[in-house]
Amino acid sequence: MDQTVGISIVGLPPDFGQWDDLLALIRRAFAYMDGVIDPPSSAHLLTADGLGEKAKRETGFLAIENGRVVGCIFALERARDFYVGKLSVEPELQGKGIGTLLMRAVEDLAGERGKDAIELQTRIELTANHAAFARLGFRETERTAHAGYDRPTSITMRKVLS
């Protein structure tokens, strides 16, 4: 049975004004990483105003259930691809396919814009995320280190679109 019945994916409206609520959603979705990843998540550095600025540079999508925002994703258009960031789903709704729907919205956008891939980064420690993204067709392309670290801290994953 489709667990995403009742979920709609919409483009972030130009007049969106619920930045504080969206920030809170992102922080709830990323909270499980606290104490697990090093360095800490960049979600801690986000502000409501910063999200508004991000939305001016990137394309955002929202997952809506019964009028409530339950997920989001941002996609930065680059020369040949889109870079995906801040994929967030309410913790109690994770694992029900909402993230897949949000990712599909970015794939559709990439196709419409003639891009051949989408790319993301996930932290080394988040092995469940690596597996989830692999199931969506992403493959590891690179390991990188945050500034000041002498070991890899992130994995770059890429999905080539057909």
N, C-alpha and C. Protein backbone atom coordinates (compact mmCIF):
# COMPACT_ATOMS: atom_id res chain seq x y z
N MET A 1 0.84 -1.20 0.00
CA MET A 1 0.00 0.00 0.00
C MET A 1 0.88 1.25 0.00
N ASP A 2 0.50 2.23 -0.77
CA ASP A 2 1.25 3.48 -0.85
C ASP A 2 1.08 4.26 0.45
N GLN A 3 2.20 4.46 1.14
CA GLN A 3 2.16 5.18 2.42
C GLN A 3 2.16 6.70 2.23
N THR A 4 2.29 7.15 0.98
CA THR A 4 2.35 8.59 0.74
C THR A 4 1.01 9.16 0.29
N VAL A 5 -0.06 8.38 0.38
CA VAL A 5 -1.39 8.87 0.03
C VAL A 5 -1.69 10.08 0.93
N GLY A 6 -2.19 11.13 0.33
CA GLY A 6 -2.50 12.33 1.11
C GLY A 6 -1.35 13.32 1.18
N ILE A 7 -0.20 12.96 0.61
CA ILE A 7 0.96 13.85 0.58
C ILE A 7 1.01 14.49 -0.80
N SER A 8 1.11 15.81 -0.83
CA SER A 8 1.32 16.49 -2.11
C SER A 8 2.65 17.22 -2.07
N ILE A 9 3.32 17.24 -3.21
CA ILE A 9 4.60 17.93 -3.34
C ILE A 9 4.35 19.18 -4.18
N VAL A 10 4.72 20.32 -3.63
CA VAL A 10 4.49 21.60 -4.31
C VAL A 10 5.79 22.40 -4.31
N GLY A 11 5.93 23.22 -5.35
CA GLY A 11 7.05 24.14 -5.36
C GLY A 11 6.90 25.17 -4.24
N LEU A 12 8.00 25.58 -3.69
CA LEU A 12 7.97 26.59 -2.63
C LEU A 12 7.38 27.86 -3.21
N PRO A 13 6.22 28.30 -2.69
CA PRO A 13 5.57 29.49 -3.28
C PRO A 13 6.41 30.75 -3.08
N PRO A 14 6.38 31.67 -4.05
CA PRO A 14 7.15 32.91 -3.94
C PRO A 14 6.78 33.74 -2.71
N ASP A 15 5.53 33.61 -2.26
CA ASP A 15 5.08 34.40 -1.11
C ASP A 15 5.15 33.61 0.20
N PHE A 16 5.90 32.51 0.21
CA PHE A 16 6.02 31.69 1.41
C PHE A 16 6.52 32.54 2.57
N GLY A 17 5.91 32.39 3.73
CA GLY A 17 6.31 33.21 4.87
C GLY A 17 6.51 32.44 6.15
N GLN A 18 6.48 31.13 6.08
CA GLN A 18 6.59 30.30 7.28
C GLN A 18 8.03 29.84 7.51
N TRP A 19 8.98 30.76 7.41
CA TRP A 19 10.39 30.38 7.51
C TRP A 19 10.74 29.82 8.88
N ASP A 20 10.18 30.38 9.95
CA ASP A 20 10.46 29.86 11.29
C ASP A 20 9.98 28.41 11.42
N ASP A 21 8.80 28.13 10.88
CA ASP A 21 8.26 26.77 10.94
C ASP A 21 9.11 25.81 10.10
N LEU A 22 9.54 26.26 8.93
CA LEU A 22 10.36 25.41 8.07
C LEU A 22 11.71 25.14 8.72
N LEU A 23 12.29 26.15 9.33
CA LEU A 23 13.55 25.98 10.06
C LEU A 23 13.38 24.95 11.18
N ALA A 24 12.29 25.04 11.91
CA ALA A 24 12.03 24.09 13.00
C ALA A 24 11.90 22.67 12.46
N LEU A 25 11.24 22.52 11.32
CA LEU A 25 11.11 21.20 10.69
C LEU A 25 12.50 20.64 10.33
N ILE A 26 13.33 21.46 9.69
CA ILE A 26 14.67 21.02 9.32
C ILE A 26 15.46 20.60 10.56
N ARG A 27 15.38 21.39 11.60
CA ARG A 27 16.12 21.06 12.83
C ARG A 27 15.61 19.77 13.47
N ARG A 28 14.28 19.55 13.44
CA ARG A 28 13.74 18.28 13.97
C ARG A 28 14.24 17.10 13.14
N ALA A 29 14.24 17.28 11.81
CA ALA A 29 14.65 16.20 10.92
C ALA A 29 16.13 15.87 11.07
N PHE A 30 16.95 16.87 11.37
CA PHE A 30 18.39 16.66 11.47
C PHE A 30 18.84 16.38 12.91
N ALA A 31 17.95 16.44 13.89
CA ALA A 31 18.32 16.32 15.30
C ALA A 31 19.00 14.99 15.63
N TYR A 32 18.60 13.92 14.95
CA TYR A 32 19.18 12.61 15.25
C TYR A 32 20.69 12.57 14.98
N MET A 33 21.20 13.52 14.21
CA MET A 33 22.62 13.56 13.89
C MET A 33 23.46 14.12 15.03
N ASP A 34 22.82 14.85 15.95
CA ASP A 34 23.56 15.47 17.05
C ASP A 34 24.28 14.40 17.86
N GLY A 35 25.57 14.59 18.06
CA GLY A 35 26.37 13.63 18.80
C GLY A 35 26.80 12.43 17.97
N VAL A 36 26.35 12.37 16.70
CA VAL A 36 26.70 11.25 15.82
C VAL A 36 27.71 11.68 14.78
N ILE A 37 27.51 12.88 14.20
CA ILE A 37 28.41 13.36 13.15
C ILE A 37 29.36 14.41 13.69
N ASP A 38 30.55 14.46 13.09
CA ASP A 38 31.55 15.43 13.46
C ASP A 38 32.21 15.91 12.18
N PRO A 39 32.16 17.22 11.87
CA PRO A 39 31.60 18.31 12.67
C PRO A 39 30.07 18.28 12.69
N PRO A 40 29.48 19.07 13.60
CA PRO A 40 28.02 19.12 13.70
C PRO A 40 27.37 19.59 12.39
N SER A 41 26.11 19.27 12.23
CA SER A 41 25.35 19.60 11.03
C SER A 41 25.28 21.10 10.80
N SER A 42 25.34 21.47 9.52
CA SER A 42 25.17 22.88 9.15
C SER A 42 23.75 23.35 9.41
N ALA A 43 22.82 22.43 9.68
CA ALA A 43 21.45 22.83 10.02
C ALA A 43 21.44 23.73 11.25
N HIS A 44 22.45 23.57 12.11
CA HIS A 44 22.53 24.42 13.31
C HIS A 44 22.86 25.86 12.96
N LEU A 45 23.42 26.08 11.78
CA LEU A 45 23.82 27.43 11.38
C LEU A 45 22.71 28.17 10.65
N LEU A 46 21.66 27.43 10.24
CA LEU A 46 20.56 28.05 9.50
C LEU A 46 19.76 29.00 10.39
N THR A 47 19.23 30.03 9.74
CA THR A 47 18.28 30.93 10.39
C THR A 47 17.06 31.04 9.48
N ALA A 48 15.98 31.56 10.00
CA ALA A 48 14.79 31.77 9.18
C ALA A 48 15.10 32.71 8.02
N ASP A 49 15.82 33.80 8.28
CA ASP A 49 16.20 34.72 7.21
C ASP A 49 17.12 34.06 6.20
N GLY A 50 18.02 33.22 6.69
CA GLY A 50 18.94 32.50 5.81
C GLY A 50 18.20 31.55 4.89
N LEU A 51 17.15 30.91 5.40
CA LEU A 51 16.34 30.03 4.55
C LEU A 51 15.64 30.84 3.46
N GLY A 52 15.15 32.01 3.82
CA GLY A 52 14.52 32.87 2.82
C GLY A 52 15.50 33.25 1.72
N GLU A 53 16.74 33.53 2.10
CA GLU A 53 17.78 33.85 1.11
C GLU A 53 18.12 32.63 0.27
N LYS A 54 18.19 31.46 0.91
CA LYS A 54 18.47 30.21 0.20
C LYS A 54 17.41 29.98 -0.88
N ALA A 55 16.15 30.27 -0.55
CA ALA A 55 15.05 30.06 -1.48
C ALA A 55 15.13 31.00 -2.69
N LYS A 56 15.86 32.10 -2.56
CA LYS A 56 16.04 33.00 -3.70
C LYS A 56 17.07 32.46 -4.68
N ARG A 57 18.01 31.64 -4.18
CA ARG A 57 19.08 31.09 -5.01
C ARG A 57 18.79 29.68 -5.51
N GLU A 58 17.92 28.98 -4.79
CA GLU A 58 17.68 27.58 -5.06
C GLU A 58 16.18 27.34 -5.26
N THR A 59 15.85 26.19 -5.83
CA THR A 59 14.45 25.80 -5.98
C THR A 59 14.09 24.93 -4.78
N GLY A 60 13.01 25.29 -4.13
CA GLY A 60 12.54 24.51 -2.99
C GLY A 60 11.24 23.80 -3.28
N PHE A 61 11.07 22.65 -2.68
CA PHE A 61 9.81 21.90 -2.75
C PHE A 61 9.37 21.57 -1.34
N LEU A 62 8.06 21.54 -1.14
CA LEU A 62 7.48 21.21 0.15
C LEU A 62 6.62 19.97 0.01
N ALA A 63 6.62 19.14 1.04
CA ALA A 63 5.68 18.03 1.15
C ALA A 63 4.59 18.49 2.10
N ILE A 64 3.34 18.41 1.65
CA ILE A 64 2.20 18.91 2.43
C ILE A 64 1.27 17.74 2.73
N GLU A 65 0.86 17.66 4.00
CA GLU A 65 -0.14 16.67 4.41
C GLU A 65 -1.21 17.41 5.21
N ASN A 66 -2.44 17.37 4.74
CA ASN A 66 -3.55 18.05 5.43
C ASN A 66 -3.22 19.50 5.75
N GLY A 67 -2.62 20.21 4.79
CA GLY A 67 -2.31 21.62 4.96
C GLY A 67 -1.07 21.91 5.77
N ARG A 68 -0.40 20.89 6.26
CA ARG A 68 0.78 21.05 7.12
C ARG A 68 2.04 20.66 6.34
N VAL A 69 3.08 21.49 6.44
CA VAL A 69 4.36 21.17 5.81
C VAL A 69 5.02 20.06 6.62
N VAL A 70 5.28 18.91 5.96
CA VAL A 70 5.87 17.76 6.65
C VAL A 70 7.23 17.38 6.06
N GLY A 71 7.67 18.11 5.03
CA GLY A 71 8.97 17.83 4.44
C GLY A 71 9.38 18.94 3.50
N CYS A 72 10.67 18.98 3.19
CA CYS A 72 11.19 19.96 2.25
C CYS A 72 12.48 19.47 1.63
N ILE A 73 12.86 20.11 0.54
CA ILE A 73 14.13 19.86 -0.12
C ILE A 73 14.49 21.13 -0.88
N PHE A 74 15.79 21.38 -1.01
CA PHE A 74 16.28 22.50 -1.80
C PHE A 74 17.22 21.97 -2.86
N ALA A 75 17.20 22.59 -4.04
CA ALA A 75 18.03 22.16 -5.15
C ALA A 75 18.69 23.37 -5.80
N LEU A 76 20.01 23.34 -5.85
CA LEU A 76 20.79 24.40 -6.44
C LEU A 76 21.16 24.01 -7.87
N GLU A 77 20.73 24.82 -8.84
CA GLU A 77 21.04 24.53 -10.24
C GLU A 77 22.50 24.89 -10.53
N ARG A 78 23.21 23.93 -11.12
CA ARG A 78 24.59 24.15 -11.54
C ARG A 78 24.67 23.89 -13.05
N ALA A 79 25.84 24.01 -13.63
CA ALA A 79 25.97 23.92 -15.09
C ALA A 79 25.39 22.63 -15.67
N ARG A 80 25.70 21.48 -15.07
CA ARG A 80 25.27 20.21 -15.66
C ARG A 80 24.32 19.42 -14.76
N ASP A 81 24.09 19.91 -13.55
CA ASP A 81 23.30 19.12 -12.61
C ASP A 81 22.61 20.02 -11.59
N PHE A 82 21.94 19.38 -10.65
CA PHE A 82 21.39 20.05 -9.48
C PHE A 82 22.05 19.45 -8.24
N TYR A 83 22.38 20.32 -7.29
CA TYR A 83 22.90 19.87 -6.00
C TYR A 83 21.74 19.93 -5.00
N VAL A 84 21.49 18.82 -4.36
CA VAL A 84 20.36 18.69 -3.44
C VAL A 84 20.84 18.89 -2.00
N GLY A 85 20.08 19.66 -1.23
CA GLY A 85 20.42 19.86 0.16
C GLY A 85 19.20 20.02 1.04
N LYS A 86 19.42 19.82 2.31
CA LYS A 86 18.42 20.00 3.36
C LYS A 86 17.14 19.20 3.11
N LEU A 87 17.30 17.98 2.57
CA LEU A 87 16.17 17.06 2.47
C LEU A 87 15.73 16.76 3.90
N SER A 88 14.49 17.13 4.21
CA SER A 88 13.99 17.01 5.58
C SER A 88 12.57 16.47 5.58
N VAL A 89 12.30 15.53 6.47
CA VAL A 89 10.97 14.98 6.66
C VAL A 89 10.73 14.90 8.16
N GLU A 90 9.50 15.24 8.57
CA GLU A 90 9.14 15.13 10.00
C GLU A 90 9.58 13.76 10.52
N PRO A 91 10.25 13.72 11.65
CA PRO A 91 10.77 12.44 12.15
C PRO A 91 9.73 11.33 12.24
N GLU A 92 8.51 11.63 12.67
CA GLU A 92 7.50 10.57 12.81
C GLU A 92 6.99 10.05 11.48
N LEU A 93 7.31 10.75 10.37
CA LEU A 93 6.87 10.35 9.04
C LEU A 93 8.01 9.81 8.18
N GLN A 94 9.22 9.76 8.73
CA GLN A 94 10.36 9.25 7.96
C GLN A 94 10.16 7.77 7.67
N GLY A 95 10.66 7.35 6.51
CA GLY A 95 10.54 5.96 6.10
C GLY A 95 9.25 5.61 5.40
N LYS A 96 8.45 6.62 5.09
CA LYS A 96 7.15 6.39 4.45
C LYS A 96 7.12 6.83 2.98
N GLY A 97 8.29 7.20 2.44
CA GLY A 97 8.36 7.55 1.03
C GLY A 97 8.29 9.03 0.72
N ILE A 98 8.17 9.87 1.73
CA ILE A 98 8.06 11.32 1.48
C ILE A 98 9.37 11.86 0.91
N GLY A 99 10.49 11.41 1.46
CA GLY A 99 11.79 11.84 0.93
C GLY A 99 11.95 11.45 -0.53
N THR A 100 11.46 10.27 -0.87
CA THR A 100 11.53 9.81 -2.27
C THR A 100 10.71 10.72 -3.17
N LEU A 101 9.52 11.12 -2.71
CA LEU A 101 8.69 12.03 -3.51
C LEU A 101 9.38 13.38 -3.70
N LEU A 102 10.00 13.88 -2.64
CA LEU A 102 10.71 15.16 -2.75
C LEU A 102 11.89 15.03 -3.72
N MET A 103 12.62 13.93 -3.62
CA MET A 103 13.75 13.72 -4.52
C MET A 103 13.27 13.60 -5.97
N ARG A 104 12.14 12.94 -6.17
CA ARG A 104 11.57 12.80 -7.52
C ARG A 104 11.23 14.17 -8.11
N ALA A 105 10.75 15.09 -7.26
CA ALA A 105 10.43 16.44 -7.74
C ALA A 105 11.69 17.12 -8.28
N VAL A 106 12.83 16.92 -7.60
CA VAL A 106 14.08 17.49 -8.08
C VAL A 106 14.53 16.81 -9.37
N GLU A 107 14.36 15.49 -9.45
CA GLU A 107 14.71 14.78 -10.68
C GLU A 107 13.88 15.30 -11.85
N ASP A 108 12.59 15.51 -11.63
CA ASP A 108 11.73 16.04 -12.68
C ASP A 108 12.20 17.43 -13.11
N LEU A 109 12.52 18.28 -12.14
CA LEU A 109 13.03 19.62 -12.44
C LEU A 109 14.32 19.53 -13.25
N ALA A 110 15.21 18.66 -12.83
CA ALA A 110 16.48 18.50 -13.55
C ALA A 110 16.23 18.08 -15.00
N GLY A 111 15.32 17.16 -15.19
CA GLY A 111 14.97 16.73 -16.55
C GLY A 111 14.42 17.87 -17.39
N GLU A 112 13.52 18.65 -16.78
CA GLU A 112 12.94 19.80 -17.49
C GLU A 112 14.00 20.82 -17.89
N ARG A 113 15.03 20.94 -17.07
CA ARG A 113 16.09 21.93 -17.33
C ARG A 113 17.26 21.34 -18.12
N GLY A 114 17.13 20.08 -18.57
CA GLY A 114 18.17 19.47 -19.39
C GLY A 114 19.42 19.07 -18.64
N LYS A 115 19.32 18.84 -17.36
CA LYS A 115 20.48 18.42 -16.55
C LYS A 115 20.59 16.90 -16.59
N ASP A 116 21.82 16.40 -16.49
CA ASP A 116 22.02 14.95 -16.60
C ASP A 116 22.20 14.23 -15.27
N ALA A 117 22.17 14.98 -14.15
CA ALA A 117 22.40 14.32 -12.86
C ALA A 117 21.93 15.20 -11.72
N ILE A 118 21.80 14.56 -10.56
CA ILE A 118 21.63 15.29 -9.30
C ILE A 118 22.68 14.74 -8.34
N GLU A 119 23.13 15.62 -7.46
CA GLU A 119 24.22 15.26 -6.56
C GLU A 119 23.88 15.72 -5.15
N LEU A 120 24.43 15.04 -4.17
CA LEU A 120 24.22 15.40 -2.78
C LEU A 120 25.44 14.99 -1.98
N GLN A 121 25.47 15.43 -0.75
CA GLN A 121 26.50 14.98 0.19
C GLN A 121 25.82 14.47 1.43
N THR A 122 26.40 13.43 1.99
CA THR A 122 25.92 12.87 3.24
C THR A 122 27.14 12.59 4.10
N ARG A 123 26.95 12.56 5.37
CA ARG A 123 28.09 12.38 6.27
C ARG A 123 28.54 10.93 6.33
N ILE A 124 29.82 10.77 6.53
CA ILE A 124 30.46 9.45 6.62
C ILE A 124 29.74 8.56 7.63
N GLU A 125 29.38 9.13 8.78
CA GLU A 125 28.80 8.32 9.87
C GLU A 125 27.38 7.85 9.59
N LEU A 126 26.69 8.44 8.64
CA LEU A 126 25.26 8.17 8.44
C LEU A 126 25.05 7.04 7.42
N THR A 127 25.45 5.83 7.80
CA THR A 127 25.43 4.70 6.88
C THR A 127 24.01 4.36 6.41
N ALA A 128 23.01 4.58 7.23
CA ALA A 128 21.63 4.33 6.79
C ALA A 128 21.26 5.28 5.65
N ASN A 129 21.76 6.51 5.71
CA ASN A 129 21.51 7.46 4.61
C ASN A 129 22.20 6.99 3.33
N HIS A 130 23.43 6.49 3.45
CA HIS A 130 24.14 6.01 2.26
C HIS A 130 23.30 4.93 1.58
N ALA A 131 22.78 4.01 2.37
CA ALA A 131 21.98 2.91 1.83
C ALA A 131 20.68 3.43 1.22
N ALA A 132 20.02 4.37 1.89
CA ALA A 132 18.76 4.92 1.38
C ALA A 132 18.99 5.62 0.04
N PHE A 133 20.05 6.41 -0.05
CA PHE A 133 20.33 7.11 -1.31
C PHE A 133 20.74 6.12 -2.40
N ALA A 134 21.46 5.07 -2.04
CA ALA A 134 21.82 4.04 -3.03
C ALA A 134 20.56 3.37 -3.59
N ARG A 135 19.57 3.13 -2.74
CA ARG A 135 18.31 2.55 -3.22
C ARG A 135 17.60 3.48 -4.20
N LEU A 136 17.85 4.77 -4.08
CA LEU A 136 17.25 5.75 -5.00
C LEU A 136 18.08 5.92 -6.27
N GLY A 137 19.19 5.18 -6.38
CA GLY A 137 20.00 5.23 -7.59
C GLY A 137 21.25 6.08 -7.50
N PHE A 138 21.58 6.59 -6.31
CA PHE A 138 22.80 7.38 -6.13
C PHE A 138 23.99 6.46 -5.93
N ARG A 139 25.15 6.90 -6.44
CA ARG A 139 26.40 6.17 -6.28
C ARG A 139 27.45 7.11 -5.72
N GLU A 140 28.30 6.59 -4.84
CA GLU A 140 29.38 7.38 -4.27
C GLU A 140 30.37 7.76 -5.35
N THR A 141 30.76 9.04 -5.36
CA THR A 141 31.74 9.52 -6.33
C THR A 141 33.00 10.07 -5.67
N GLU A 142 32.90 10.43 -4.40
CA GLU A 142 34.03 11.12 -3.77
C GLU A 142 33.82 11.16 -2.25
N ARG A 143 34.93 11.23 -1.53
CA ARG A 143 34.92 11.49 -0.09
C ARG A 143 35.73 12.75 0.14
N THR A 144 35.17 13.65 0.96
CA THR A 144 35.85 14.92 1.22
C THR A 144 35.88 15.18 2.72
N ALA A 145 36.76 16.11 3.10
CA ALA A 145 36.90 16.48 4.50
C ALA A 145 36.49 17.93 4.70
N HIS A 146 35.78 18.19 5.78
CA HIS A 146 35.49 19.57 6.16
C HIS A 146 36.80 20.26 6.55
N ALA A 147 36.82 21.58 6.46
CA ALA A 147 38.02 22.35 6.81
C ALA A 147 38.47 21.99 8.22
N GLY A 148 39.75 21.74 8.36
CA GLY A 148 40.32 21.44 9.66
C GLY A 148 40.32 19.96 10.01
N TYR A 149 39.79 19.11 9.15
CA TYR A 149 39.75 17.66 9.42
C TYR A 149 40.73 16.95 8.50
N ASP A 150 41.44 15.97 9.06
CA ASP A 150 42.43 15.23 8.27
C ASP A 150 41.90 13.87 7.85
N ARG A 151 40.59 13.70 7.95
CA ARG A 151 39.93 12.46 7.53
C ARG A 151 38.67 12.84 6.78
N PRO A 152 38.18 11.94 5.92
CA PRO A 152 36.93 12.24 5.22
C PRO A 152 35.78 12.39 6.22
N THR A 153 34.95 13.40 5.98
CA THR A 153 33.78 13.63 6.83
C THR A 153 32.48 13.54 6.03
N SER A 154 32.58 13.62 4.70
CA SER A 154 31.39 13.59 3.84
C SER A 154 31.61 12.69 2.64
N ILE A 155 30.51 12.14 2.16
CA ILE A 155 30.50 11.35 0.94
C ILE A 155 29.65 12.09 -0.08
N THR A 156 30.21 12.30 -1.27
CA THR A 156 29.43 12.86 -2.37
C THR A 156 28.80 11.70 -3.12
N MET A 157 27.50 11.82 -3.38
CA MET A 157 26.76 10.79 -4.12
C MET A 157 26.08 11.46 -5.30
N ARG A 158 26.04 10.74 -6.41
CA ARG A 158 25.51 11.30 -7.65
C ARG A 158 24.55 10.29 -8.28
N LYS A 159 23.48 10.83 -8.83
CA LYS A 159 22.53 10.00 -9.59
C LYS A 159 22.49 10.53 -11.00
N VAL A 160 22.88 9.69 -11.94
CA VAL A 160 22.80 10.05 -13.36
C VAL A 160 21.38 9.78 -13.81
N LEU A 161 20.79 10.77 -14.44
CA LEU A 161 19.40 10.68 -14.90
C LEU A 161 19.37 10.14 -16.32
N SER A 162 18.39 9.29 -16.59
CA SER A 162 18.31 8.68 -17.93
C SER A 162 17.67 9.62 -18.91
